Amino acid sequence: MDWIKRWNFIERARYERQLIDAFGRGEDIDALAANCEPGFQKEVWEAMVPRIRKMERMMRDQQPPQS
């Protein structure tokens, strides 16, 4: 059963990366997650959207680095 856990981890990471890349391209990640086919990808994307939004808020509140 360990191979199932490993495969699940790899698939989850792949789907998370796809959504982060879409965010980086400026795509509407909320719409992508909402319109995704039901299943594991939708589950991962719906869980990832709030995490990306939280990172976005944290980055926006950061001060630019001092040179």
N, C-alpha and C. Protein backbone atom coordinates (compact mmCIF):
# COMPACT_ATOMS: atom_id res chain seq x y z
N MET A 1 0.80 -1.20 0.00
CA MET A 1 0.00 0.00 0.00
C MET A 1 0.85 1.27 0.00
N ASP A 2 2.12 1.18 0.31
CA ASP A 2 2.98 2.36 0.31
C ASP A 2 3.09 2.98 -1.08
N TRP A 3 3.04 2.17 -2.13
CA TRP A 3 3.15 2.71 -3.48
C TRP A 3 1.94 3.57 -3.81
N ILE A 4 0.77 3.25 -3.23
CA ILE A 4 -0.42 4.08 -3.46
C ILE A 4 -0.23 5.44 -2.80
N LYS A 5 0.27 5.46 -1.60
CA LYS A 5 0.52 6.73 -0.90
C LYS A 5 1.53 7.57 -1.68
N ARG A 6 2.58 6.94 -2.21
CA ARG A 6 3.59 7.66 -2.96
C ARG A 6 3.01 8.22 -4.25
N TRP A 7 2.23 7.40 -4.96
CA TRP A 7 1.61 7.86 -6.20
C TRP A 7 0.67 9.03 -5.91
N ASN A 8 -0.11 8.93 -4.84
CA ASN A 8 -1.03 9.99 -4.45
C ASN A 8 -0.27 11.28 -4.18
N PHE A 9 0.85 11.21 -3.49
CA PHE A 9 1.67 12.38 -3.18
C PHE A 9 2.19 13.01 -4.47
N ILE A 10 2.68 12.20 -5.39
CA ILE A 10 3.22 12.70 -6.65
C ILE A 10 2.12 13.36 -7.48
N GLU A 11 0.97 12.72 -7.57
CA GLU A 11 -0.16 13.29 -8.33
C GLU A 11 -0.62 14.60 -7.70
N ARG A 12 -0.71 14.63 -6.39
CA ARG A 12 -1.13 15.86 -5.70
C ARG A 12 -0.15 16.99 -6.00
N ALA A 13 1.14 16.71 -5.92
CA ALA A 13 2.15 17.73 -6.20
C ALA A 13 2.04 18.22 -7.64
N ARG A 14 1.78 17.31 -8.57
CA ARG A 14 1.65 17.69 -9.98
C ARG A 14 0.45 18.61 -10.18
N TYR A 15 -0.69 18.28 -9.59
CA TYR A 15 -1.88 19.13 -9.71
C TYR A 15 -1.68 20.48 -9.03
N GLU A 16 -1.04 20.49 -7.87
CA GLU A 16 -0.76 21.75 -7.19
C GLU A 16 0.12 22.64 -8.06
N ARG A 17 1.13 22.04 -8.67
CA ARG A 17 2.04 22.81 -9.53
C ARG A 17 1.31 23.38 -10.75
N GLN A 18 0.40 22.61 -11.32
CA GLN A 18 -0.38 23.09 -12.46
C GLN A 18 -1.17 24.34 -12.07
N LEU A 19 -1.77 24.33 -10.90
CA LEU A 19 -2.56 25.47 -10.46
C LEU A 19 -1.68 26.67 -10.13
N ILE A 20 -0.55 26.43 -9.51
CA ILE A 20 0.37 27.53 -9.21
C ILE A 20 0.90 28.15 -10.50
N ASP A 21 1.21 27.33 -11.48
CA ASP A 21 1.66 27.84 -12.78
C ASP A 21 0.56 28.67 -13.44
N ALA A 22 -0.68 28.21 -13.37
CA ALA A 22 -1.81 28.96 -13.93
C ALA A 22 -1.95 30.31 -13.22
N PHE A 23 -1.78 30.32 -11.93
CA PHE A 23 -1.82 31.57 -11.16
C PHE A 23 -0.71 32.51 -11.63
N GLY A 24 0.47 31.96 -11.83
CA GLY A 24 1.60 32.76 -12.30
C GLY A 24 1.36 33.36 -13.69
N ARG A 25 0.60 32.67 -14.51
CA ARG A 25 0.26 33.18 -15.84
C ARG A 25 -0.89 34.18 -15.81
N GLY A 26 -1.48 34.37 -14.62
CA GLY A 26 -2.57 35.32 -14.48
C GLY A 26 -3.95 34.75 -14.79
N GLU A 27 -4.06 33.43 -14.86
CA GLU A 27 -5.35 32.80 -15.12
C GLU A 27 -6.23 32.86 -13.87
N ASP A 28 -7.52 32.75 -14.07
CA ASP A 28 -8.49 32.77 -12.97
C ASP A 28 -8.53 31.39 -12.32
N ILE A 29 -7.79 31.23 -11.22
CA ILE A 29 -7.69 29.91 -10.59
C ILE A 29 -8.99 29.49 -9.93
N ASP A 30 -9.80 30.47 -9.50
CA ASP A 30 -11.09 30.12 -8.92
C ASP A 30 -11.99 29.46 -9.97
N ALA A 31 -11.99 30.01 -11.18
CA ALA A 31 -12.80 29.45 -12.27
C ALA A 31 -12.25 28.09 -12.70
N LEU A 32 -10.92 27.96 -12.75
CA LEU A 32 -10.32 26.68 -13.12
C LEU A 32 -10.75 25.59 -12.15
N ALA A 33 -10.69 25.89 -10.85
CA ALA A 33 -11.05 24.90 -9.84
C ALA A 33 -12.55 24.59 -9.90
N ALA A 34 -13.36 25.60 -10.12
CA ALA A 34 -14.81 25.40 -10.15
C ALA A 34 -15.25 24.59 -11.37
N ASN A 35 -14.56 24.78 -12.49
CA ASN A 35 -14.96 24.12 -13.74
C ASN A 35 -14.22 22.83 -14.02
N CYS A 36 -13.39 22.41 -13.09
CA CYS A 36 -12.62 21.18 -13.25
C CYS A 36 -13.55 19.97 -13.15
N GLU A 37 -13.17 18.90 -13.86
CA GLU A 37 -13.93 17.64 -13.78
C GLU A 37 -13.92 17.14 -12.34
N PRO A 38 -15.04 16.60 -11.85
CA PRO A 38 -15.04 16.04 -10.50
C PRO A 38 -14.03 14.90 -10.37
N GLY A 39 -13.40 14.84 -9.22
CA GLY A 39 -12.41 13.80 -8.96
C GLY A 39 -11.26 14.34 -8.14
N PHE A 40 -10.15 13.64 -8.20
CA PHE A 40 -8.99 13.97 -7.38
C PHE A 40 -8.42 15.34 -7.73
N GLN A 41 -8.34 15.67 -9.01
CA GLN A 41 -7.81 16.98 -9.41
C GLN A 41 -8.66 18.11 -8.84
N LYS A 42 -9.95 17.99 -8.92
CA LYS A 42 -10.84 19.02 -8.39
C LYS A 42 -10.66 19.15 -6.87
N GLU A 43 -10.53 18.02 -6.21
CA GLU A 43 -10.31 18.03 -4.76
C GLU A 43 -9.02 18.78 -4.41
N VAL A 44 -7.96 18.50 -5.15
CA VAL A 44 -6.67 19.15 -4.89
C VAL A 44 -6.76 20.64 -5.20
N TRP A 45 -7.33 20.98 -6.36
CA TRP A 45 -7.41 22.39 -6.75
C TRP A 45 -8.28 23.20 -5.80
N GLU A 46 -9.40 22.64 -5.36
CA GLU A 46 -10.26 23.38 -4.42
C GLU A 46 -9.57 23.59 -3.08
N ALA A 47 -8.72 22.66 -2.68
CA ALA A 47 -7.96 22.83 -1.45
C ALA A 47 -6.80 23.81 -1.64
N MET A 48 -6.29 23.89 -2.85
CA MET A 48 -5.11 24.71 -3.13
C MET A 48 -5.45 26.19 -3.33
N VAL A 49 -6.63 26.50 -3.84
CA VAL A 49 -7.00 27.90 -4.10
C VAL A 49 -6.87 28.76 -2.85
N PRO A 50 -7.44 28.37 -1.70
CA PRO A 50 -7.27 29.22 -0.50
C PRO A 50 -5.81 29.36 -0.07
N ARG A 51 -5.02 28.32 -0.28
CA ARG A 51 -3.59 28.40 0.08
C ARG A 51 -2.87 29.39 -0.82
N ILE A 52 -3.19 29.40 -2.11
CA ILE A 52 -2.58 30.35 -3.04
C ILE A 52 -3.01 31.77 -2.67
N ARG A 53 -4.28 31.95 -2.35
CA ARG A 53 -4.77 33.28 -1.96
C ARG A 53 -4.08 33.77 -0.69
N LYS A 54 -3.85 32.87 0.24
CA LYS A 54 -3.15 33.24 1.48
C LYS A 54 -1.71 33.66 1.16
N MET A 55 -1.03 32.90 0.29
CA MET A 55 0.33 33.28 -0.11
C MET A 55 0.33 34.62 -0.81
N GLU A 56 -0.68 34.85 -1.64
CA GLU A 56 -0.80 36.11 -2.37
C GLU A 56 -0.93 37.29 -1.39
N ARG A 57 -1.78 37.14 -0.37
CA ARG A 57 -1.94 38.19 0.64
C ARG A 57 -0.65 38.43 1.40
N MET A 58 0.03 37.35 1.77
CA MET A 58 1.28 37.48 2.52
C MET A 58 2.34 38.20 1.68
N MET A 59 2.41 37.87 0.42
CA MET A 59 3.40 38.50 -0.46
C MET A 59 3.06 39.97 -0.69
N ARG A 60 1.79 40.28 -0.80
CA ARG A 60 1.36 41.65 -1.04
C ARG A 60 1.69 42.53 0.17
N ASP A 61 1.60 41.96 1.37
CA ASP A 61 1.86 42.72 2.60
C ASP A 61 3.34 42.84 2.92
N GLN A 62 4.19 42.15 2.18
CA GLN A 62 5.64 42.20 2.43
C GLN A 62 6.22 43.54 1.97
N GLN A 63 7.21 44.00 2.70
CA GLN A 63 7.96 45.17 2.27
C GLN A 63 8.97 44.77 1.22
N PRO A 64 9.21 45.61 0.21
CA PRO A 64 10.24 45.26 -0.77
C PRO A 64 11.61 45.20 -0.10
N PRO A 65 12.51 44.35 -0.59
CA PRO A 65 13.84 44.24 0.03
C PRO A 65 14.61 45.54 -0.09
N GLN A 66 15.35 45.85 0.95
CA GLN A 66 16.20 47.05 0.95
C GLN A 66 17.51 46.76 0.23
N SER A 67 17.92 47.64 -0.65
CA SER A 67 19.18 47.42 -1.39
C SER A 67 20.36 48.02 -0.69
